[in-house]
Amino acid sequence: MTESKSSEKAWGGVFTESTDKQVELFTESISFDSRLYEQDIFGSIGHAKMLRDVKLLTPEEFEQIQTVLLELKDKITQGDFQYTTSLEDIHMHIEKALIERLGDVGRKLHTARSRNDQVSTDLRLWTRQAIDLLDEALIGLQKAFVARCDGDFEVVMPGYTHTQRAQPVLAPHYWLAWCEKYERDRQRLADCRHRVNQLSLGAAACAGTSLPIDREKSAEYLGFEGIAANSLDISSDRDFALEFAFDMTQIALHLSCWAEEWIWWSTVEFNFLKLPQAYCTGSSIMPQKVNPDVLELIRGKSARVVGNLQSLCVLTKGLPLAYNRDLQEDKLPVFDSFDTVKACLTLSAGLVAGAKINREAISQRLEDGYLDATSLMEYLIRKQVPQRTAHGIVGRLVRYGMDHQLSLAQLPLEKLRAECDAVDESVYNILGAAHAVAAMKSYGSTAGNQVRFQIEKWKKKLQLTPEN
């Protein structure tokens, strides 16, 4: 990479001194924004089409520009393109290569455009695509959970609150809980996409342009659904990047919480799950170890995603209108969060599909922890016992069971009636974990018919058939 004089730079006309080499290295962004080359070329072709339509380019000039831009895209994709820090960023690299091929025709491409609105456009185009890719990955993870539901339908397992056994639930009810969380992630991404998908081109540096451009045409050619309305706002706006970063952070947090539970569940102490060995690693000193390293790294990498969001918040917190060079630093955290979350989602889907639930181990301890206590309380409520009174009665019965190492279902009817004479033989129809699940009725509960309804709803939503 070679140093160039300031007068040779696109912005260097007023300068009489060369840029210090250390400054070039300090200010370059080509080392990371080169990944925007497809968006930059796509956006430039759309811009050139608009310039042709308003007669700022001739049809022949447009064809020449489009042809060379597409050739440059192929060269970059094939790795046959030289980068240099003296050209700073991907925008200048592509423009310089275009001018080298076309001369003055190439110089016309930047008409009615600044790097300020150009970089905003490129980042919006990239973010739009990134959102779509994350949505696909979230769907893949949802499908992996739903695909488990039929095979695990009969498994009753403990549900937890405060990490203590609380009430029994069907295993597919648990799988679908994660589907709901990831669905909200998808909804946030879809909502964010509307704000991302607004055209920046036409703002130019900060005040717009006196040239007769057609921003509606630019939006049409580039697939934007709206046009950003204020040129001062446009070049300073990174709300869409922060919103996307938050959405990715929420996905990472959901993944981290799920990973934490499955790390527990794969321990000898829980023994609820056997993780696929293809997603685990061993120990260099302990031969027996099968470590849940992928889950641990998913949990760990979420910290980077959270940190990236914080970085963007601090980056933008005090910037005046309109564009400031600080905004060059917006891409690294967004790119890193996307790469991290995308990789985590992809691995998670395979891990969910390959895990095996340990039915026997779950069943052996299912009655531990008095998971049916709430069902007994609600039984008493149906017998017209006030809720607070019923709560106290069941609490005393649980204490008796704990003292005598008996489950509620093992308590004799006489003992139950001694606490409440409204109890009769029917009480045993709701005691025990499986009976407690069967007693559920409310929409969204773990009742078998409710879970089956939700499974079918998700299959339809995800177009999940035996073929896919």
Foldseek 3Di string as FASTA:
>chain_A
DDFDALCPAPPRVVDDGRDDPVVLVVQALAVPQVVLLVLLLLLLLLLLVQCCVLVVAPPVLSVLLNVVSVVVVVCVVVVNADDDSNLRHSNSRSLVSSCVVPPPSSVSSCPQAAVLLSVLSSVLLVLLVLLVLVLVLLLLQLLLLLVCCVVQQPFKFFDDDPNAGAAIFGPSLVSVVLVVLSVVLNVLSVVLNLVSLARSRQLHPQNGDPDPTDVVSSSVSSVRPYYDDHSFASSADPVSLLSSLVSLLSLLVSLLVVLVVVQVCVDPVNVFKDWPLVQFDADPPDHVDTHNVLSVVSNVCSVLSVVLSVVVCVLNVDDDIDHDSSCSPSPVSSVSSSVSSSVSSNVSSVRSNGMDTDRVSRVVCVQPRQNLLVVQLVVVVVLVDDSVLSNVLSVVVVVVCVVVVHHSLPDDPVVSCVSPVSDDPCSNCCDDNVSVLCPDDDQSGSHSVNSVVVSVVSCVVSVPDPVD
